[in-house]
Amino acid sequence: MKRTITIVMALTALLLIASPVLAAKWVDSQKADFYTVPDGNSDNVSDILAGGQVTLVDPMGNVSLIIQGNVRDLTPSTTYAVWVRNLAGYTGDYLNNYEPLGYFMLTTFTTNAKGHGNFHINIGKDDLPDGTYDIQVAINDLPSDQHPNGVTKIATQKYTVVTVKGE
């Protein structure tokens, strides 16, 4: 009897310890390839792979969404802008935005001598409401007088569905 009580107490303690882990949010990531954009318009993404991809993660904690990208075969030693489409309700920092398409330029990166580059964006939990987002990520050259939002060089297909929810 004493042994049974000890086993029950041990199992109860184990369940109490494991409960927070079991209750935690499952973290899924989604990957989306980059494709060429022949006319510079992210509404017209081709079916030709461009090299590289973006990973979208809805993590736990103080971050609502992580966007990580790796690109290949762009112009060497050139700075590009990362635009994210369809972030309805986004209130965080951004470098530029284009309201008609719900685009936010969130960061820039510079390619190396081979034309490869990467970027990492954390969107805080207070900057993006819980919900489902049809995300598109576009890589543009930098804005100019002729093209105030830059010209899209590569982009993900429309759209990668990401569900952002609290813990």
N, C-alpha and C. Protein backbone atom coordinates (compact mmCIF):
# COMPACT_ATOMS: atom_id res chain seq x y z
N MET A 1 0.82 -1.20 0.00
CA MET A 1 0.00 0.00 0.00
C MET A 1 0.86 1.25 0.00
N LYS A 2 1.93 1.22 0.83
CA LYS A 2 2.83 2.36 0.92
C LYS A 2 3.48 2.62 -0.44
N ARG A 3 3.84 1.54 -1.12
CA ARG A 3 4.47 1.65 -2.45
C ARG A 3 3.49 2.25 -3.46
N THR A 4 2.23 1.87 -3.43
CA THR A 4 1.21 2.41 -4.33
C THR A 4 1.03 3.90 -4.11
N ILE A 5 0.99 4.32 -2.85
CA ILE A 5 0.85 5.74 -2.53
C ILE A 5 2.06 6.51 -3.04
N THR A 6 3.25 5.96 -2.89
CA THR A 6 4.47 6.61 -3.37
C THR A 6 4.44 6.77 -4.89
N ILE A 7 4.00 5.74 -5.59
CA ILE A 7 3.92 5.78 -7.06
C ILE A 7 2.89 6.82 -7.49
N VAL A 8 1.74 6.86 -6.85
CA VAL A 8 0.70 7.85 -7.18
C VAL A 8 1.21 9.26 -6.93
N MET A 9 1.90 9.46 -5.82
CA MET A 9 2.45 10.79 -5.52
C MET A 9 3.50 11.18 -6.55
N ALA A 10 4.33 10.24 -6.96
CA ALA A 10 5.37 10.52 -7.96
C ALA A 10 4.73 10.87 -9.30
N LEU A 11 3.72 10.13 -9.71
CA LEU A 11 3.03 10.42 -10.97
C LEU A 11 2.32 11.77 -10.91
N THR A 12 1.72 12.10 -9.78
CA THR A 12 1.06 13.40 -9.62
C THR A 12 2.08 14.53 -9.71
N ALA A 13 3.21 14.37 -9.07
CA ALA A 13 4.27 15.39 -9.14
C ALA A 13 4.77 15.55 -10.58
N LEU A 14 4.94 14.44 -11.26
CA LEU A 14 5.39 14.48 -12.65
C LEU A 14 4.38 15.21 -13.54
N LEU A 15 3.10 14.94 -13.34
CA LEU A 15 2.07 15.64 -14.12
C LEU A 15 2.05 17.14 -13.82
N LEU A 16 2.23 17.52 -12.57
CA LEU A 16 2.26 18.93 -12.21
C LEU A 16 3.46 19.64 -12.85
N ILE A 17 4.57 18.96 -12.90
CA ILE A 17 5.76 19.54 -13.52
C ILE A 17 5.58 19.64 -15.03
N ALA A 18 4.99 18.63 -15.64
CA ALA A 18 4.85 18.58 -17.10
C ALA A 18 3.70 19.43 -17.61
N SER A 19 2.73 19.77 -16.77
CA SER A 19 1.55 20.51 -17.23
C SER A 19 1.88 21.80 -17.96
N PRO A 20 2.77 22.66 -17.44
CA PRO A 20 3.07 23.89 -18.17
C PRO A 20 3.68 23.62 -19.55
N VAL A 21 4.49 22.57 -19.64
CA VAL A 21 5.09 22.23 -20.93
C VAL A 21 4.02 21.74 -21.88
N LEU A 22 3.11 20.89 -21.40
CA LEU A 22 2.06 20.36 -22.24
C LEU A 22 1.07 21.44 -22.66
N ALA A 23 0.89 22.47 -21.83
CA ALA A 23 -0.07 23.53 -22.13
C ALA A 23 0.51 24.59 -23.05
N ALA A 24 1.82 24.59 -23.26
CA ALA A 24 2.46 25.62 -24.10
C ALA A 24 1.99 25.52 -25.54
N LYS A 25 2.07 26.63 -26.21
CA LYS A 25 1.64 26.70 -27.60
C LYS A 25 2.62 25.93 -28.48
N TRP A 26 2.12 25.18 -29.42
CA TRP A 26 2.94 24.47 -30.38
C TRP A 26 3.43 25.48 -31.42
N VAL A 27 4.72 25.44 -31.72
CA VAL A 27 5.30 26.40 -32.66
C VAL A 27 5.51 25.72 -34.01
N ASP A 28 4.79 26.17 -35.01
CA ASP A 28 4.95 25.66 -36.37
C ASP A 28 5.62 26.73 -37.21
N SER A 29 6.44 26.30 -38.14
CA SER A 29 7.01 27.26 -39.08
C SER A 29 6.51 26.91 -40.47
N GLN A 30 6.45 27.93 -41.30
CA GLN A 30 6.06 27.74 -42.69
C GLN A 30 7.15 28.31 -43.56
N LYS A 31 7.48 27.61 -44.62
CA LYS A 31 8.50 28.07 -45.55
C LYS A 31 7.84 28.40 -46.87
N ALA A 32 8.32 29.47 -47.48
CA ALA A 32 7.83 29.88 -48.80
C ALA A 32 9.03 30.25 -49.66
N ASP A 33 9.05 29.71 -50.86
CA ASP A 33 10.14 30.00 -51.80
C ASP A 33 9.98 31.38 -52.41
N PHE A 34 11.11 31.96 -52.82
CA PHE A 34 11.09 33.20 -53.59
C PHE A 34 11.04 32.86 -55.08
N TYR A 35 10.27 33.68 -55.83
CA TYR A 35 10.12 33.53 -57.27
C TYR A 35 10.48 34.84 -57.96
N THR A 36 10.80 34.75 -59.22
CA THR A 36 11.10 35.96 -59.98
C THR A 36 9.84 36.78 -60.20
N VAL A 37 10.04 38.07 -60.41
CA VAL A 37 8.94 39.00 -60.66
C VAL A 37 9.35 39.80 -61.91
N PRO A 38 9.03 39.29 -63.10
CA PRO A 38 9.55 39.87 -64.34
C PRO A 38 9.22 41.35 -64.57
N ASP A 39 8.03 41.79 -64.17
CA ASP A 39 7.65 43.17 -64.45
C ASP A 39 7.81 44.10 -63.24
N GLY A 40 8.40 43.60 -62.14
CA GLY A 40 8.64 44.44 -60.97
C GLY A 40 7.42 44.68 -60.10
N ASN A 41 6.32 43.96 -60.35
CA ASN A 41 5.08 44.14 -59.62
C ASN A 41 4.77 42.86 -58.85
N SER A 42 4.66 42.94 -57.53
CA SER A 42 4.46 41.74 -56.71
C SER A 42 3.10 41.09 -56.92
N ASP A 43 2.22 41.73 -57.67
CA ASP A 43 0.96 41.08 -58.04
C ASP A 43 1.17 40.06 -59.16
N ASN A 44 2.33 40.12 -59.82
CA ASN A 44 2.60 39.27 -60.98
C ASN A 44 3.85 38.42 -60.75
N VAL A 45 3.80 37.57 -59.75
CA VAL A 45 4.92 36.70 -59.43
C VAL A 45 4.90 35.53 -60.42
N SER A 46 6.08 35.18 -60.96
CA SER A 46 6.17 34.09 -61.92
C SER A 46 6.17 32.74 -61.20
N ASP A 47 6.30 31.66 -61.97
CA ASP A 47 6.45 30.31 -61.42
C ASP A 47 7.90 29.87 -61.45
N ILE A 48 8.81 30.81 -61.70
CA ILE A 48 10.24 30.49 -61.81
C ILE A 48 10.92 30.77 -60.46
N LEU A 49 11.48 29.72 -59.87
CA LEU A 49 12.16 29.88 -58.59
C LEU A 49 13.32 30.85 -58.73
N ALA A 50 13.48 31.71 -57.72
CA ALA A 50 14.52 32.74 -57.77
C ALA A 50 15.73 32.37 -56.92
N GLY A 51 15.60 31.44 -56.05
CA GLY A 51 16.69 31.11 -55.14
C GLY A 51 16.45 31.76 -53.79
N GLY A 52 16.38 30.93 -52.79
CA GLY A 52 16.14 31.41 -51.45
C GLY A 52 14.71 31.19 -51.00
N GLN A 53 14.50 31.43 -49.73
CA GLN A 53 13.16 31.26 -49.18
C GLN A 53 13.02 32.08 -47.91
N VAL A 54 11.78 32.18 -47.48
CA VAL A 54 11.46 32.88 -46.24
C VAL A 54 10.78 31.87 -45.31
N THR A 55 11.08 31.99 -44.02
CA THR A 55 10.46 31.16 -43.00
C THR A 55 9.64 32.06 -42.10
N LEU A 56 8.39 31.68 -41.88
CA LEU A 56 7.47 32.43 -41.03
C LEU A 56 7.14 31.58 -39.81
N VAL A 57 7.33 32.14 -38.62
CA VAL A 57 7.11 31.39 -37.39
C VAL A 57 6.24 32.22 -36.46
N ASP A 58 5.23 31.58 -35.86
CA ASP A 58 4.41 32.18 -34.80
C ASP A 58 4.91 31.58 -33.49
N PRO A 59 5.85 32.27 -32.81
CA PRO A 59 6.46 31.70 -31.61
C PRO A 59 5.66 32.00 -30.35
N MET A 60 6.20 31.56 -29.24
CA MET A 60 5.62 31.87 -27.93
C MET A 60 6.31 33.11 -27.37
N GLY A 61 5.73 33.71 -26.37
CA GLY A 61 6.38 34.80 -25.67
C GLY A 61 6.04 36.17 -26.19
N ASN A 62 7.02 37.07 -26.21
CA ASN A 62 6.81 38.47 -26.55
C ASN A 62 6.82 38.76 -28.04
N VAL A 63 6.97 37.75 -28.87
CA VAL A 63 7.03 37.95 -30.31
C VAL A 63 5.83 37.27 -30.97
N SER A 64 5.10 38.01 -31.81
CA SER A 64 3.95 37.45 -32.52
C SER A 64 4.35 36.70 -33.77
N LEU A 65 5.37 37.21 -34.46
CA LEU A 65 5.74 36.63 -35.74
C LEU A 65 7.22 36.86 -36.00
N ILE A 66 7.90 35.81 -36.42
CA ILE A 66 9.30 35.90 -36.86
C ILE A 66 9.32 35.66 -38.35
N ILE A 67 10.01 36.54 -39.07
CA ILE A 67 10.16 36.40 -40.52
C ILE A 67 11.66 36.36 -40.80
N GLN A 68 12.13 35.23 -41.32
CA GLN A 68 13.54 35.06 -41.64
C GLN A 68 13.66 34.72 -43.11
N GLY A 69 14.58 35.36 -43.79
CA GLY A 69 14.75 35.09 -45.20
C GLY A 69 16.19 34.92 -45.60
N ASN A 70 16.39 34.10 -46.61
CA ASN A 70 17.67 33.91 -47.26
C ASN A 70 17.44 34.07 -48.75
N VAL A 71 18.25 34.89 -49.38
CA VAL A 71 18.11 35.11 -50.82
C VAL A 71 19.42 34.77 -51.52
N ARG A 72 19.31 34.42 -52.79
CA ARG A 72 20.47 34.11 -53.61
C ARG A 72 20.32 34.76 -54.97
N ASP A 73 21.45 34.99 -55.58
CA ASP A 73 21.51 35.40 -56.98
C ASP A 73 20.88 36.76 -57.27
N LEU A 74 20.96 37.68 -56.30
CA LEU A 74 20.60 39.07 -56.57
C LEU A 74 21.88 39.82 -56.95
N THR A 75 21.78 41.09 -57.23
CA THR A 75 22.96 41.88 -57.58
C THR A 75 23.91 41.93 -56.38
N PRO A 76 25.19 41.61 -56.60
CA PRO A 76 26.15 41.62 -55.49
C PRO A 76 26.30 43.01 -54.86
N SER A 77 26.59 43.01 -53.58
CA SER A 77 26.90 44.22 -52.80
C SER A 77 25.85 45.32 -53.00
N THR A 78 24.60 44.93 -52.94
CA THR A 78 23.49 45.86 -53.16
C THR A 78 22.53 45.78 -51.96
N THR A 79 21.99 46.92 -51.57
CA THR A 79 21.03 46.97 -50.46
C THR A 79 19.61 46.84 -51.02
N TYR A 80 18.83 45.97 -50.39
CA TYR A 80 17.44 45.70 -50.77
C TYR A 80 16.52 45.96 -49.59
N ALA A 81 15.27 46.18 -49.89
CA ALA A 81 14.24 46.39 -48.87
C ALA A 81 13.35 45.16 -48.77
N VAL A 82 12.94 44.83 -47.55
CA VAL A 82 12.02 43.71 -47.31
C VAL A 82 10.64 44.28 -47.02
N TRP A 83 9.70 43.97 -47.90
CA TRP A 83 8.31 44.41 -47.75
C TRP A 83 7.45 43.20 -47.38
N VAL A 84 6.54 43.38 -46.43
CA VAL A 84 5.62 42.32 -46.02
C VAL A 84 4.21 42.81 -46.28
N ARG A 85 3.45 41.99 -46.99
CA ARG A 85 2.10 42.37 -47.41
C ARG A 85 1.04 41.72 -46.53
N ASN A 86 0.02 42.49 -46.26
CA ASN A 86 -1.20 42.04 -45.58
C ASN A 86 -1.02 41.88 -44.07
N LEU A 87 -0.44 42.87 -43.45
CA LEU A 87 -0.31 42.89 -41.99
C LEU A 87 -1.38 43.82 -41.41
N ALA A 88 -2.63 43.49 -41.63
CA ALA A 88 -3.73 44.33 -41.16
C ALA A 88 -3.64 44.51 -39.65
N GLY A 89 -3.67 45.75 -39.20
CA GLY A 89 -3.62 46.06 -37.79
C GLY A 89 -2.21 46.20 -37.24
N TYR A 90 -1.18 46.08 -38.08
CA TYR A 90 0.20 46.20 -37.62
C TYR A 90 0.47 47.62 -37.13
N THR A 91 1.06 47.74 -35.94
CA THR A 91 1.33 49.06 -35.35
C THR A 91 2.79 49.25 -34.98
N GLY A 92 3.65 48.31 -35.38
CA GLY A 92 5.06 48.38 -35.02
C GLY A 92 5.85 49.32 -35.91
N ASP A 93 7.15 49.32 -35.70
CA ASP A 93 8.06 50.16 -36.48
C ASP A 93 8.15 49.68 -37.92
N TYR A 94 8.30 50.63 -38.82
CA TYR A 94 8.53 50.30 -40.22
C TYR A 94 9.28 51.45 -40.88
N LEU A 95 9.90 51.17 -42.00
CA LEU A 95 10.68 52.17 -42.72
C LEU A 95 9.83 52.92 -43.74
N ASN A 96 8.81 52.25 -44.25
CA ASN A 96 7.93 52.83 -45.26
C ASN A 96 6.69 51.95 -45.32
N ASN A 97 5.62 52.46 -45.88
CA ASN A 97 4.47 51.60 -46.11
C ASN A 97 3.74 52.03 -47.38
N TYR A 98 2.97 51.10 -47.91
CA TYR A 98 2.15 51.36 -49.09
C TYR A 98 0.75 50.85 -48.76
N GLU A 99 -0.07 51.76 -48.27
CA GLU A 99 -1.38 51.43 -47.72
C GLU A 99 -2.31 50.68 -48.68
N PRO A 100 -2.36 51.04 -49.99
CA PRO A 100 -3.33 50.34 -50.86
C PRO A 100 -3.17 48.81 -50.87
N LEU A 101 -1.96 48.32 -50.70
CA LEU A 101 -1.74 46.87 -50.71
C LEU A 101 -1.43 46.32 -49.31
N GLY A 102 -1.47 47.17 -48.30
CA GLY A 102 -1.17 46.71 -46.95
C GLY A 102 0.28 46.29 -46.78
N TYR A 103 1.17 46.90 -47.54
CA TYR A 103 2.60 46.57 -47.48
C TYR A 103 3.33 47.44 -46.46
N PHE A 104 4.26 46.82 -45.74
CA PHE A 104 5.14 47.53 -44.82
C PHE A 104 6.58 47.16 -45.15
N MET A 105 7.43 48.17 -45.36
CA MET A 105 8.86 47.92 -45.51
C MET A 105 9.42 47.85 -44.09
N LEU A 106 9.85 46.64 -43.69
CA LEU A 106 10.23 46.42 -42.30
C LEU A 106 11.73 46.48 -42.05
N THR A 107 12.53 46.20 -43.06
CA THR A 107 13.98 46.23 -42.87
C THR A 107 14.68 46.27 -44.22
N THR A 108 15.98 46.40 -44.17
CA THR A 108 16.81 46.30 -45.37
C THR A 108 17.95 45.32 -45.08
N PHE A 109 18.58 44.85 -46.13
CA PHE A 109 19.77 44.00 -46.00
C PHE A 109 20.64 44.24 -47.23
N THR A 110 21.90 43.89 -47.11
CA THR A 110 22.84 44.07 -48.22
C THR A 110 23.39 42.70 -48.62
N THR A 111 23.40 42.44 -49.91
CA THR A 111 23.93 41.17 -50.41
C THR A 111 25.45 41.17 -50.34
N ASN A 112 26.02 40.00 -50.32
CA ASN A 112 27.47 39.87 -50.32
C ASN A 112 28.01 39.90 -51.75
N ALA A 113 29.27 39.61 -51.92
CA ALA A 113 29.91 39.67 -53.24
C ALA A 113 29.34 38.64 -54.22
N LYS A 114 28.65 37.62 -53.72
CA LYS A 114 28.03 36.61 -54.59
C LYS A 114 26.54 36.89 -54.84
N GLY A 115 26.02 37.96 -54.23
CA GLY A 115 24.60 38.28 -54.41
C GLY A 115 23.68 37.55 -53.45
N HIS A 116 24.25 37.01 -52.37
CA HIS A 116 23.46 36.30 -51.38
C HIS A 116 23.27 37.20 -50.17
N GLY A 117 22.12 37.07 -49.50
CA GLY A 117 21.87 37.88 -48.31
C GLY A 117 20.83 37.23 -47.42
N ASN A 118 20.64 37.79 -46.24
CA ASN A 118 19.61 37.27 -45.34
C ASN A 118 19.09 38.39 -44.46
N PHE A 119 17.93 38.13 -43.87
CA PHE A 119 17.30 39.10 -42.98
C PHE A 119 16.52 38.36 -41.91
N HIS A 120 16.26 39.07 -40.82
CA HIS A 120 15.52 38.51 -39.68
C HIS A 120 14.66 39.64 -39.09
N ILE A 121 13.37 39.38 -38.95
CA ILE A 121 12.44 40.38 -38.42
C ILE A 121 11.64 39.74 -37.28
N ASN A 122 11.59 40.40 -36.14
CA ASN A 122 10.72 40.01 -35.04
C ASN A 122 9.61 41.03 -34.92
N ILE A 123 8.37 40.59 -35.00
CA ILE A 123 7.22 41.47 -34.79
C ILE A 123 6.67 41.18 -33.40
N GLY A 124 6.69 42.19 -32.55
CA GLY A 124 6.26 42.04 -31.16
C GLY A 124 4.79 41.73 -31.02
N LYS A 125 4.45 41.07 -29.90
CA LYS A 125 3.06 40.67 -29.68
C LYS A 125 2.12 41.87 -29.55
N ASP A 126 2.65 43.02 -29.13
CA ASP A 126 1.81 44.21 -29.03
C ASP A 126 1.66 44.94 -30.36
N ASP A 127 2.42 44.53 -31.38
CA ASP A 127 2.41 45.21 -32.68
C ASP A 127 1.55 44.54 -33.74
N LEU A 128 1.07 43.33 -33.46
CA LEU A 128 0.26 42.61 -34.45
C LEU A 128 -0.82 41.83 -33.73
N PRO A 129 -2.09 42.18 -33.99
CA PRO A 129 -3.18 41.48 -33.30
C PRO A 129 -3.24 39.99 -33.68
N ASP A 130 -3.76 39.19 -32.76
CA ASP A 130 -4.01 37.79 -33.06
C ASP A 130 -4.92 37.71 -34.28
N GLY A 131 -4.70 36.73 -35.11
CA GLY A 131 -5.53 36.55 -36.29
C GLY A 131 -4.84 35.71 -37.34
N THR A 132 -5.48 35.58 -38.47
CA THR A 132 -4.94 34.83 -39.60
C THR A 132 -4.56 35.82 -40.69
N TYR A 133 -3.34 35.68 -41.19
CA TYR A 133 -2.80 36.62 -42.17
C TYR A 133 -2.34 35.86 -43.41
N ASP A 134 -2.67 36.39 -44.57
CA ASP A 134 -2.21 35.86 -45.84
C ASP A 134 -0.97 36.66 -46.23
N ILE A 135 0.19 36.19 -45.80
CA ILE A 135 1.44 36.95 -45.91
C ILE A 135 2.08 36.76 -47.29
N GLN A 136 2.60 37.85 -47.83
CA GLN A 136 3.49 37.80 -48.98
C GLN A 136 4.72 38.63 -48.63
N VAL A 137 5.90 38.12 -48.92
CA VAL A 137 7.14 38.84 -48.67
C VAL A 137 7.76 39.17 -50.02
N ALA A 138 8.12 40.44 -50.19
CA ALA A 138 8.71 40.90 -51.46
C ALA A 138 10.05 41.58 -51.17
N ILE A 139 10.99 41.35 -52.04
CA ILE A 139 12.30 41.99 -51.96
C ILE A 139 12.38 43.01 -53.09
N ASN A 140 12.52 44.27 -52.70
CA ASN A 140 12.57 45.38 -53.66
C ASN A 140 13.93 46.04 -53.62
N ASP A 141 14.29 46.68 -54.75
CA ASP A 141 15.45 47.56 -54.65
C ASP A 141 15.01 48.76 -53.82
N LEU A 142 15.94 49.60 -53.47
CA LEU A 142 15.59 50.74 -52.61
C LEU A 142 14.77 51.78 -53.35
N PRO A 143 13.93 52.52 -52.63
CA PRO A 143 13.12 53.56 -53.26
C PRO A 143 13.99 54.59 -54.00
N SER A 144 13.40 55.14 -55.07
CA SER A 144 14.07 56.20 -55.82
C SER A 144 13.02 57.24 -56.19
N ASP A 145 13.43 58.34 -56.79
CA ASP A 145 12.47 59.35 -57.22
C ASP A 145 11.50 58.76 -58.24
N GLN A 146 12.01 57.93 -59.12
CA GLN A 146 11.18 57.34 -60.17
C GLN A 146 10.26 56.24 -59.62
N HIS A 147 10.74 55.49 -58.62
CA HIS A 147 9.97 54.40 -58.02
C HIS A 147 10.00 54.57 -56.50
N PRO A 148 9.03 55.30 -55.93
CA PRO A 148 9.07 55.64 -54.51
C PRO A 148 9.04 54.44 -53.56
N ASN A 149 8.58 53.29 -54.02
CA ASN A 149 8.57 52.09 -53.19
C ASN A 149 9.58 51.05 -53.67
N GLY A 150 10.40 51.42 -54.64
CA GLY A 150 11.33 50.47 -55.22
C GLY A 150 10.61 49.58 -56.21
N VAL A 151 11.38 48.72 -56.85
CA VAL A 151 10.84 47.77 -57.82
C VAL A 151 11.05 46.38 -57.25
N THR A 152 10.00 45.55 -57.27
CA THR A 152 10.10 44.20 -56.72
C THR A 152 10.99 43.34 -57.62
N LYS A 153 11.98 42.71 -57.00
CA LYS A 153 12.91 41.83 -57.71
C LYS A 153 12.51 40.36 -57.57
N ILE A 154 12.17 39.96 -56.35
CA ILE A 154 11.71 38.60 -56.09
C ILE A 154 10.62 38.68 -55.02
N ALA A 155 9.77 37.66 -54.97
CA ALA A 155 8.70 37.65 -53.96
C ALA A 155 8.21 36.22 -53.76
N THR A 156 7.55 36.02 -52.64
CA THR A 156 6.87 34.74 -52.42
C THR A 156 5.55 34.78 -53.19
N GLN A 157 5.02 33.62 -53.46
CA GLN A 157 3.70 33.56 -54.09
C GLN A 157 2.69 34.11 -53.10
N LYS A 158 1.58 34.60 -53.61
CA LYS A 158 0.50 35.04 -52.73
C LYS A 158 -0.32 33.80 -52.42
N TYR A 159 -0.64 33.46 -51.29
CA TYR A 159 -0.23 33.98 -50.02
C TYR A 159 0.12 32.82 -49.13
N THR A 160 1.00 33.02 -48.17
CA THR A 160 1.30 32.04 -47.16
C THR A 160 0.46 32.36 -45.94
N VAL A 161 -0.41 31.45 -45.55
CA VAL A 161 -1.33 31.70 -44.44
C VAL A 161 -0.61 31.44 -43.12
N VAL A 162 -0.62 32.44 -42.25
CA VAL A 162 -0.01 32.35 -40.94
C VAL A 162 -1.05 32.75 -39.90
N THR A 163 -1.21 31.93 -38.89
CA THR A 163 -2.12 32.25 -37.79
C THR A 163 -1.28 32.70 -36.61
N VAL A 164 -1.53 33.92 -36.15
CA VAL A 164 -0.82 34.50 -35.03
C VAL A 164 -1.77 34.47 -33.84
N LYS A 165 -1.33 33.85 -32.76
CA LYS A 165 -2.17 33.81 -31.57
C LYS A 165 -1.29 33.86 -30.34
N GLY A 166 -1.84 34.37 -29.28
CA GLY A 166 -1.12 34.48 -28.02
C GLY A 166 -0.79 33.11 -27.45
N GLU A 167 -0.14 33.14 -26.31
CA GLU A 167 0.30 31.89 -25.66
C GLU A 167 -0.85 31.00 -25.30
